[in-house]
Amino acid sequence: MKILVWCPHLNMGGGGRLLSQLAPALAQQAEVDLVKLAVPAEAIGAGDLDSLKRAPISFFGLTSEKKMGIICRWLKTEGQVLGVRGTGHVKMALRNRLIEDPIVESLKWEAEQLRQAAQDCDVVYAFWPQLQRFHQIDKPLVCSPQDTTNLDFPEILGWKQTRDEYARAEQWLNGAQRIIVSSQCTKNNLVRLFGDHCKSAVVIPHAILPSGANPTVSLDPSLLRKLPERYIVYPGNITAHKNHYTLLAAWARFLGRKQYPLVLFGSDTEMLNETSSPLDSQAARVVGLIRRKQLQQDEDFYALGYLADAYVLPLIERAAALIMPSLAEGGGSYPVEEALSLGVPVLCSDIPVMREHLAGRSAKIGWFDPESPESILRAINDLFDNYDDYKRTALNAIRDPRYTWEDIAAQYVGVFQSAIDQARNPV
């Protein structure tokens, strides 16, 4: 089996972490002859995918626009011909006749690159179709919508972009031979939003500890100097569903916040520092709360911004506890899984997907209503009132049985094969 993993836009947060685990595991499966990864060419050159370069994976570098001839490049520029007045209009007329609208041109070029990349493959896997354009392809297609967050939280994209995203998602779901989701919760959301045909989606959980993860990596000395000796950690970007606002509203009431400050890291969390003037509306809303509640940077909370994956486990392992106040997740939470795999106590949003994720875990979890600052505060106080119990059960949870990435890849390969079989023998 030859698999094309189609990823024209690479998210180096949760998406990148998933891809870096799943792609090598797929390549190791006995039934798989080739895993080809179609990603932006600049990501390959920039070293973002160094961990994947050590695996038996082929790369197909995607470019944003087709290489054009000298004449076309010249026509695309504004201005006169040889400085002769009036010839700019002639040049513009030729440009309008010979060169397509840039958006149409880009769409056609992306579709052409997909066709080229898929030529020698048996199946196309769209592993992160969110915000991606759908292209018809004469190969079996499997897609895995990782969550429905952008549709359930229109404040993330805005109403118009949310409607556009709904239309794109519908095209992916209708065009795919098979759909894979990472939780029953996401499957239920797809049925709610798109109808009963999504009931055929296959659930393959993947919220497990990254393979080869190493918490003993040395932290950069400059980062170590920024960290307090004791802290509670929250890894998460600044988008609305990550719920920094309600967490910090509760944090302002926590009397022990200077003894155990909150350490935040993830994309754009640096915008929460007092020296910033964020243009992002979500970050500005949280900064406003911080200032009104007089939370002190580098005393009550530390906002570190995006950190490389190598630092994630060491930062979690040093924490007294991890808190996860998210309002929505696709298949669970990698940080929660990582904390429990390191024996770090967890406080967590009481939402269906997290109950599903943690159903097989033995640790005591401090559940709370993520929309209630009072509930979050009670969970934080209960953690410290009963810390020995939380810590003991978290340490025991290290031995909880978990899937491996090889187990998960084998399930994916089974779905890919069924899509190939369906394409060969359509009903």
Protein backbone atom coordinates (compact mmCIF):
# COMPACT_ATOMS: atom_id res chain seq x y z
CA MET A 1 0.00 0.00 0.00
CA LYS A 2 1.23 3.47 -0.94
CA ILE A 3 -0.19 6.36 1.08
CA LEU A 4 -0.16 10.07 0.27
CA VAL A 5 -0.60 12.21 3.39
CA TRP A 6 -1.99 15.50 2.05
CA CYS A 7 -1.12 18.48 4.24
CA PRO A 8 -0.86 21.75 2.25
CA HIS A 9 -0.94 23.82 5.44
CA LEU A 10 1.00 22.55 8.44
CA ASN A 11 -0.06 23.42 11.99
CA MET A 12 2.97 22.95 14.22
CA GLY A 13 0.84 22.75 17.37
CA GLY A 14 -1.33 19.70 18.01
CA GLY A 15 -1.44 18.90 14.29
CA GLY A 16 2.32 18.81 13.98
CA ARG A 17 2.62 16.63 17.07
CA LEU A 18 0.06 14.18 15.69
CA LEU A 19 1.73 14.05 12.27
CA SER A 20 5.19 13.48 13.76
CA GLN A 21 3.89 10.38 15.60
CA LEU A 22 1.42 8.92 13.10
CA ALA A 23 3.41 9.18 9.85
CA PRO A 24 6.46 7.17 11.05
CA ALA A 25 4.16 4.58 12.66
CA LEU A 26 2.31 4.17 9.34
CA ALA A 27 5.60 3.75 7.50
CA GLN A 28 6.55 0.87 9.83
CA GLN A 29 3.42 -1.18 9.05
CA ALA A 30 4.09 -4.39 7.10
CA GLU A 31 1.32 -3.64 4.57
CA VAL A 32 2.73 -0.18 3.75
CA ASP A 33 5.28 0.23 0.94
CA LEU A 34 5.37 4.03 0.88
CA VAL A 35 4.29 7.00 3.00
CA LYS A 36 4.59 10.20 1.00
CA LEU A 37 4.14 13.44 2.89
CA ALA A 38 2.91 16.43 0.83
CA VAL A 39 3.72 19.53 2.89
CA PRO A 40 4.83 23.10 2.17
CA ALA A 41 8.36 23.10 0.74
CA GLU A 42 9.48 25.76 3.19
CA ALA A 43 8.56 23.50 6.14
CA ILE A 44 10.91 20.81 4.86
CA GLY A 45 13.78 23.25 4.44
CA ALA A 46 13.21 25.07 7.73
CA GLY A 47 13.78 21.99 9.87
CA ASP A 48 10.24 21.86 11.30
CA LEU A 49 10.02 18.24 10.21
CA ASP A 50 13.46 17.05 11.33
CA SER A 51 11.96 14.24 13.43
CA LEU A 52 10.17 12.91 10.33
CA LYS A 53 13.28 13.02 8.17
CA ARG A 54 14.71 10.18 10.26
CA ALA A 55 11.77 7.94 9.31
CA PRO A 56 11.34 6.02 6.01
CA ILE A 57 9.10 8.76 4.58
CA SER A 58 9.14 10.42 1.15
CA PHE A 59 8.54 14.18 0.94
CA PHE A 60 6.69 16.12 -1.74
CA GLY A 61 7.29 19.86 -1.36
CA LEU A 62 4.27 22.03 -2.14
CA THR A 63 4.62 25.57 -3.47
CA SER A 64 2.03 28.32 -3.24
CA GLU A 65 2.13 29.24 -6.92
CA LYS A 66 3.13 27.63 -10.18
CA LYS A 67 6.52 28.57 -11.59
CA MET A 68 5.76 30.93 -14.46
CA GLY A 69 7.71 31.92 -17.54
CA ILE A 70 9.51 35.23 -17.89
CA ILE A 71 6.68 36.75 -19.97
CA CYS A 72 4.02 35.82 -17.40
CA ARG A 73 6.09 37.18 -14.53
CA TRP A 74 6.61 40.41 -16.47
CA LEU A 75 2.89 40.70 -17.22
CA LYS A 76 2.10 40.30 -13.53
CA THR A 77 4.03 43.47 -12.70
CA GLU A 78 2.45 46.90 -13.01
CA GLY A 79 3.90 49.66 -15.20
CA GLN A 80 4.56 50.81 -18.71
CA VAL A 81 6.42 49.05 -21.50
CA LEU A 82 9.88 50.60 -22.00
CA GLY A 83 8.59 53.77 -20.38
CA VAL A 84 6.15 54.54 -23.23
CA ARG A 85 3.04 56.35 -22.00
CA GLY A 86 -0.24 54.48 -22.45
CA THR A 87 1.34 51.05 -22.81
CA GLY A 88 0.49 50.16 -19.20
CA HIS A 89 -3.13 49.69 -20.29
CA VAL A 90 -2.04 47.34 -23.08
CA LYS A 91 0.00 45.32 -20.59
CA MET A 92 -2.97 45.14 -18.21
CA ALA A 93 -5.27 43.96 -21.03
CA LEU A 94 -2.81 41.21 -21.95
CA ARG A 95 -2.54 40.22 -18.28
CA ASN A 96 -6.33 39.94 -17.95
CA ARG A 97 -6.51 37.82 -21.11
CA LEU A 98 -3.55 35.54 -20.50
CA ILE A 99 -3.34 35.15 -16.72
CA GLU A 100 -6.16 33.86 -14.55
CA ASP A 101 -7.51 35.44 -11.40
CA PRO A 102 -4.87 34.79 -8.65
CA ILE A 103 -7.34 32.89 -6.45
CA VAL A 104 -8.50 30.66 -9.31
CA GLU A 105 -4.90 30.19 -10.39
CA SER A 106 -3.89 29.17 -6.86
CA LEU A 107 -6.76 26.69 -6.57
CA LYS A 108 -5.91 25.06 -9.89
CA TRP A 109 -2.21 24.86 -9.00
CA GLU A 110 -2.95 23.23 -5.63
CA ALA A 111 -5.23 20.70 -7.34
CA GLU A 112 -2.52 19.99 -9.93
CA GLN A 113 0.06 19.38 -7.20
CA LEU A 114 -2.35 16.97 -5.47
CA ARG A 115 -2.78 15.09 -8.75
CA GLN A 116 0.98 14.89 -9.26
CA ALA A 117 1.71 13.81 -5.69
CA ALA A 118 -0.99 11.11 -5.76
CA GLN A 119 -0.02 9.58 -9.11
CA ASP A 120 1.89 6.61 -7.67
CA CYS A 121 -0.21 6.23 -4.51
CA ASP A 122 -3.13 3.93 -3.70
CA VAL A 123 -4.92 6.21 -1.24
CA VAL A 124 -4.95 9.90 -0.27
CA TYR A 125 -5.19 10.69 3.43
CA ALA A 126 -6.24 14.24 4.35
CA PHE A 127 -5.12 14.15 7.94
CA TRP A 128 -6.09 17.75 8.82
CA PRO A 129 -8.83 18.98 6.44
CA GLN A 130 -9.84 21.93 8.64
CA LEU A 131 -9.53 25.23 6.73
CA GLN A 132 -8.27 23.31 3.68
CA ARG A 133 -9.68 23.52 0.16
CA PHE A 134 -11.31 20.34 -1.14
CA HIS A 135 -10.13 19.02 -4.52
CA GLN A 136 -11.71 16.16 -6.42
CA ILE A 137 -9.21 13.36 -6.92
CA ASP A 138 -9.45 10.06 -8.80
CA LYS A 139 -7.96 8.15 -5.88
CA PRO A 140 -9.63 6.70 -2.76
CA LEU A 141 -9.82 9.51 -0.18
CA VAL A 142 -9.79 9.18 3.61
CA CYS A 143 -10.15 12.30 5.77
CA SER A 144 -9.97 12.81 9.51
CA PRO A 145 -11.67 15.99 10.77
CA GLN A 146 -9.88 16.36 14.09
CA ASP A 147 -12.64 18.38 15.78
CA THR A 148 -15.60 20.70 15.13
CA THR A 149 -14.26 23.59 17.21
CA ASN A 150 -14.23 26.19 14.42
CA LEU A 151 -17.89 25.44 13.70
CA ASP A 152 -19.05 25.35 17.32
CA PHE A 153 -17.15 28.54 18.24
CA PRO A 154 -17.87 31.05 15.44
CA GLU A 155 -16.05 33.73 17.41
CA ILE A 156 -12.78 32.07 16.36
CA LEU A 157 -13.18 32.69 12.60
CA GLY A 158 -16.08 35.13 12.45
CA TRP A 159 -19.49 34.37 10.95
CA LYS A 160 -18.55 34.57 7.27
CA GLN A 161 -15.45 32.42 7.61
CA THR A 162 -17.38 29.96 9.76
CA ARG A 163 -20.00 29.56 7.02
CA ASP A 164 -17.23 29.06 4.47
CA GLU A 165 -15.59 26.48 6.72
CA TYR A 166 -18.89 24.59 7.07
CA ALA A 167 -19.13 24.39 3.26
CA ARG A 168 -15.54 23.15 2.96
CA ALA A 169 -16.06 20.54 5.68
CA GLU A 170 -19.21 19.29 3.94
CA GLN A 171 -17.25 18.81 0.72
CA TRP A 172 -14.57 16.77 2.50
CA LEU A 173 -17.12 14.59 4.29
CA ASN A 174 -19.14 13.96 1.14
CA GLY A 175 -16.09 13.36 -1.04
CA ALA A 176 -14.30 10.86 1.20
CA GLN A 177 -14.67 7.07 0.98
CA ARG A 178 -13.92 6.83 4.70
CA ILE A 179 -13.92 9.24 7.66
CA ILE A 180 -11.73 8.78 10.74
CA VAL A 181 -12.30 10.67 13.99
CA SER A 182 -10.38 10.56 17.24
CA SER A 183 -13.34 10.34 19.64
CA GLN A 184 -16.97 9.34 19.85
CA CYS A 185 -17.63 12.92 20.92
CA THR A 186 -16.33 14.29 17.59
CA LYS A 187 -18.34 11.68 15.71
CA ASN A 188 -21.51 12.78 17.53
CA ASN A 189 -20.72 16.40 16.66
CA LEU A 190 -20.33 15.55 12.96
CA VAL A 191 -23.69 13.75 12.97
CA ARG A 192 -25.28 16.76 14.68
CA LEU A 193 -23.82 19.21 12.16
CA PHE A 194 -23.84 17.23 8.90
CA GLY A 195 -26.34 14.38 9.24
CA ASP A 196 -26.60 10.64 9.62
CA HIS A 197 -24.12 9.73 6.87
CA CYS A 198 -21.38 10.64 9.39
CA LYS A 199 -22.48 7.71 11.56
CA SER A 200 -20.15 5.56 9.44
CA ALA A 201 -17.10 7.48 10.73
CA VAL A 202 -14.51 5.20 12.36
CA VAL A 203 -13.32 6.18 15.86
CA ILE A 204 -9.56 5.69 16.41
CA PRO A 205 -8.34 7.42 19.62
CA HIS A 206 -4.86 8.90 19.53
CA ALA A 207 -4.50 10.98 22.71
CA ILE A 208 -1.53 9.00 23.99
CA LEU A 209 2.02 9.76 25.03
CA PRO A 210 4.30 10.60 22.06
CA SER A 211 6.63 7.73 21.23
CA GLY A 212 10.24 8.44 22.09
CA ALA A 213 9.20 11.25 24.44
CA ASN A 214 11.98 12.20 26.86
CA PRO A 215 11.21 14.34 29.93
CA THR A 216 14.91 14.49 30.90
CA VAL A 217 15.84 16.89 28.09
CA SER A 218 17.73 19.83 29.56
CA LEU A 219 15.82 23.08 29.47
CA ASP A 220 17.49 26.13 28.01
CA PRO A 221 19.16 28.07 30.87
CA SER A 222 17.38 31.29 29.85
CA LEU A 223 14.04 29.47 30.07
CA LEU A 224 14.96 27.94 33.43
CA ARG A 225 15.67 31.38 34.82
CA LYS A 226 12.16 32.49 33.87
CA LEU A 227 10.45 29.61 35.70
CA PRO A 228 9.34 29.72 39.33
CA GLU A 229 10.43 26.86 41.57
CA ARG A 230 6.84 25.59 41.98
CA TYR A 231 3.95 26.12 39.60
CA ILE A 232 0.77 24.84 37.94
CA VAL A 233 1.09 24.55 34.17
CA TYR A 234 -1.37 25.09 31.31
CA PRO A 235 -0.12 24.38 27.76
CA GLY A 236 -2.54 25.86 25.22
CA ASN A 237 -2.76 28.49 22.50
CA ILE A 238 -4.77 31.65 22.97
CA THR A 239 -7.88 30.82 20.89
CA ALA A 240 -11.30 31.30 22.49
CA HIS A 241 -12.09 27.65 23.26
CA LYS A 242 -8.87 27.26 25.27
CA ASN A 243 -10.63 29.38 27.90
CA HIS A 244 -7.80 31.47 29.36
CA TYR A 245 -10.30 34.14 30.34
CA THR A 246 -12.29 32.00 32.80
CA LEU A 247 -9.14 30.30 34.11
CA LEU A 248 -7.54 33.65 34.95
CA ALA A 249 -10.80 34.95 36.45
CA ALA A 250 -10.60 31.99 38.86
CA TRP A 251 -6.84 32.41 39.31
CA ALA A 252 -7.33 35.98 40.56
CA ARG A 253 -9.28 34.52 43.52
CA PHE A 254 -6.74 31.79 44.36
CA LEU A 255 -4.94 32.87 47.52
CA GLY A 256 -1.94 30.62 46.90
CA ARG A 257 -1.13 31.99 43.44
CA LYS A 258 2.19 33.56 44.49
CA GLN A 259 3.39 30.30 46.10
CA TYR A 260 2.19 28.28 43.07
CA PRO A 261 1.99 30.69 40.09
CA LEU A 262 0.42 29.70 36.79
CA VAL A 263 2.78 28.95 33.90
CA LEU A 264 1.19 29.37 30.47
CA PHE A 265 2.80 28.35 27.22
CA GLY A 266 1.57 27.84 23.68
CA SER A 267 1.14 29.92 20.54
CA ASP A 268 0.53 33.62 21.23
CA THR A 269 0.44 33.31 25.03
CA GLU A 270 3.28 35.85 25.10
CA MET A 271 0.62 38.43 24.15
CA LEU A 272 -0.69 38.19 27.72
CA ASN A 273 2.39 39.89 29.12
CA GLU A 274 1.90 43.43 30.41
CA THR A 275 4.27 44.97 27.87
CA SER A 276 2.14 43.77 24.93
CA SER A 277 -0.69 45.61 23.17
CA PRO A 278 -2.35 42.68 21.38
CA LEU A 279 -4.30 43.31 18.19
CA ASP A 280 -5.92 39.89 18.49
CA SER A 281 -9.37 40.42 20.05
CA GLN A 282 -9.25 37.27 22.17
CA ALA A 283 -5.83 38.13 23.60
CA ALA A 284 -6.94 41.73 24.20
CA ARG A 285 -9.96 40.49 26.16
CA VAL A 286 -7.76 38.34 28.41
CA VAL A 287 -5.20 41.14 28.85
CA GLY A 288 -8.03 43.44 29.92
CA LEU A 289 -9.05 40.92 32.59
CA ILE A 290 -5.44 40.59 33.80
CA ARG A 291 -5.17 44.33 34.23
CA ARG A 292 -8.55 44.74 35.93
CA LYS A 293 -7.78 41.92 38.38
CA GLN A 294 -4.25 43.29 38.88
CA LEU A 295 -2.62 39.93 38.23
CA GLN A 296 1.14 40.41 38.30
CA GLN A 297 3.27 39.12 35.44
CA ASP A 298 6.13 36.86 36.62
CA GLU A 299 4.55 36.68 40.09
CA ASP A 300 0.97 35.43 39.70
CA PHE A 301 1.45 34.05 36.18
CA TYR A 302 4.18 33.48 33.59
CA ALA A 303 3.33 33.65 29.85
CA LEU A 304 6.12 31.99 27.84
CA GLY A 305 4.71 31.88 24.29
CA TYR A 306 5.32 29.02 21.87
CA LEU A 307 7.94 26.48 22.97
CA ALA A 308 9.57 23.67 21.02
CA ASP A 309 8.16 20.18 21.58
CA ALA A 310 11.39 19.10 23.30
CA TYR A 311 10.56 21.42 26.22
CA VAL A 312 6.95 20.29 26.73
CA LEU A 313 7.57 17.18 28.83
CA PRO A 314 10.30 18.71 31.03
CA LEU A 315 8.04 21.68 31.81
CA ILE A 316 5.10 19.42 32.67
CA GLU A 317 7.25 17.05 34.74
CA ARG A 318 8.51 19.93 36.94
CA ALA A 319 4.95 21.16 37.65
CA ALA A 320 3.00 20.54 40.84
CA ALA A 321 -0.05 19.93 38.64
CA LEU A 322 -1.45 20.51 35.17
CA ILE A 323 -4.75 22.31 34.61
CA MET A 324 -6.81 21.88 31.43
CA PRO A 325 -9.75 24.37 31.30
CA SER A 326 -10.51 23.91 27.58
CA LEU A 327 -14.14 24.20 26.43
CA ALA A 328 -13.64 21.75 23.56
CA GLU A 329 -11.13 19.21 22.26
CA GLY A 330 -11.20 16.78 19.36
CA GLY A 331 -9.96 13.51 20.78
CA GLY A 332 -8.84 14.49 24.24
CA SER A 333 -5.72 16.32 25.36
CA TYR A 334 -2.07 15.49 24.71
CA PRO A 335 -0.92 17.62 27.68
CA VAL A 336 -3.26 15.75 30.06
CA GLU A 337 -2.00 12.42 28.73
CA GLU A 338 1.59 13.56 29.11
CA ALA A 339 1.02 14.75 32.68
CA LEU A 340 -0.50 11.44 33.80
CA SER A 341 2.25 9.51 32.03
CA LEU A 342 4.73 11.47 34.18
CA GLY A 343 2.83 11.15 37.47
CA VAL A 344 1.71 14.81 37.51
CA PRO A 345 -1.77 15.48 39.01
CA VAL A 346 -4.44 16.86 36.66
CA LEU A 347 -7.32 19.31 37.04
CA CYS A 348 -9.63 19.12 34.04
CA SER A 349 -12.74 20.51 32.35
CA ASP A 350 -15.75 18.29 32.90
CA ILE A 351 -16.69 18.02 29.22
CA PRO A 352 -17.73 14.83 27.35
CA VAL A 353 -14.57 14.43 25.29
CA MET A 354 -12.32 14.59 28.36
CA ARG A 355 -14.52 12.11 30.26
CA GLU A 356 -14.17 9.83 27.23
CA HIS A 357 -10.41 10.31 27.05
CA LEU A 358 -9.83 9.66 30.76
CA ALA A 359 -12.33 6.81 31.19
CA GLY A 360 -9.52 4.24 31.34
CA ARG A 361 -7.29 6.23 33.69
CA SER A 362 -6.88 5.34 37.37
CA ALA A 363 -5.70 8.75 38.63
CA LYS A 364 -7.90 11.03 40.70
CA ILE A 365 -8.93 13.91 38.42
CA GLY A 366 -10.02 17.31 39.73
CA TRP A 367 -13.08 17.85 37.53
CA PHE A 368 -14.63 21.31 37.21
CA ASP A 369 -17.15 23.27 35.13
CA PRO A 370 -14.92 25.20 32.67
CA GLU A 371 -17.42 28.07 32.40
CA SER A 372 -17.52 28.70 36.17
CA PRO A 373 -14.63 30.51 37.92
CA GLU A 374 -16.07 29.30 41.24
CA SER A 375 -15.92 25.66 40.12
CA ILE A 376 -12.33 26.06 38.88
CA LEU A 377 -11.31 27.69 42.16
CA ARG A 378 -12.88 24.84 44.19
CA ALA A 379 -10.91 22.31 42.15
CA ILE A 380 -7.64 24.20 42.69
CA ASN A 381 -8.23 24.46 46.45
CA ASP A 382 -9.20 20.78 46.66
CA LEU A 383 -5.97 19.85 44.88
CA PHE A 384 -3.85 21.51 47.56
CA ASP A 385 -6.08 20.36 50.44
CA ASN A 386 -5.64 16.73 49.27
CA TYR A 387 -2.40 16.95 47.33
CA ASP A 388 -0.88 13.69 48.62
CA ASP A 389 -3.89 11.72 47.35
CA TYR A 390 -3.80 13.39 43.93
CA LYS A 391 -0.06 12.79 43.63
CA ARG A 392 -0.21 9.16 44.75
CA THR A 393 -2.92 8.22 42.23
CA ALA A 394 -1.16 10.17 39.46
CA LEU A 395 2.04 8.20 40.10
CA ASN A 396 0.06 4.95 40.01
CA ALA A 397 -1.47 6.01 36.68
CA ILE A 398 1.95 5.80 35.04
CA ARG A 399 1.33 2.04 34.87
CA ASP A 400 -2.12 2.34 33.25
CA PRO A 401 -2.27 0.27 30.02
CA ARG A 402 -2.27 2.50 26.90
CA TYR A 403 -2.33 2.03 23.15
CA THR A 404 0.94 2.36 21.24
CA TRP A 405 1.31 4.38 18.05
CA GLU A 406 1.86 1.10 16.20
CA ASP A 407 -1.58 -0.10 17.42
CA ILE A 408 -3.15 3.13 16.17
CA ALA A 409 -1.34 3.03 12.81
CA ALA A 410 -2.55 -0.52 12.25
CA GLN A 411 -6.15 0.66 12.68
CA TYR A 412 -5.57 3.49 10.19
CA VAL A 413 -4.13 1.08 7.64
CA GLY A 414 -7.23 -1.09 8.01
CA VAL A 415 -9.44 1.91 7.16
CA PHE A 416 -7.21 2.86 4.21
CA GLN A 417 -7.50 -0.67 2.85
CA SER A 418 -11.29 -0.60 3.13
CA ALA A 419 -11.35 2.70 1.19
CA ILE A 420 -9.18 1.15 -1.54
CA ASP A 421 -11.43 -1.92 -1.69
CA GLN A 422 -14.54 0.26 -1.93
CA ALA A 423 -13.04 2.24 -4.81
CA ARG A 424 -12.23 -0.99 -6.66
CA ASN A 425 -15.65 -2.53 -6.00
CA PRO A 426 -18.12 0.36 -5.66
CA VAL A 427 -21.57 -0.46 -4.35
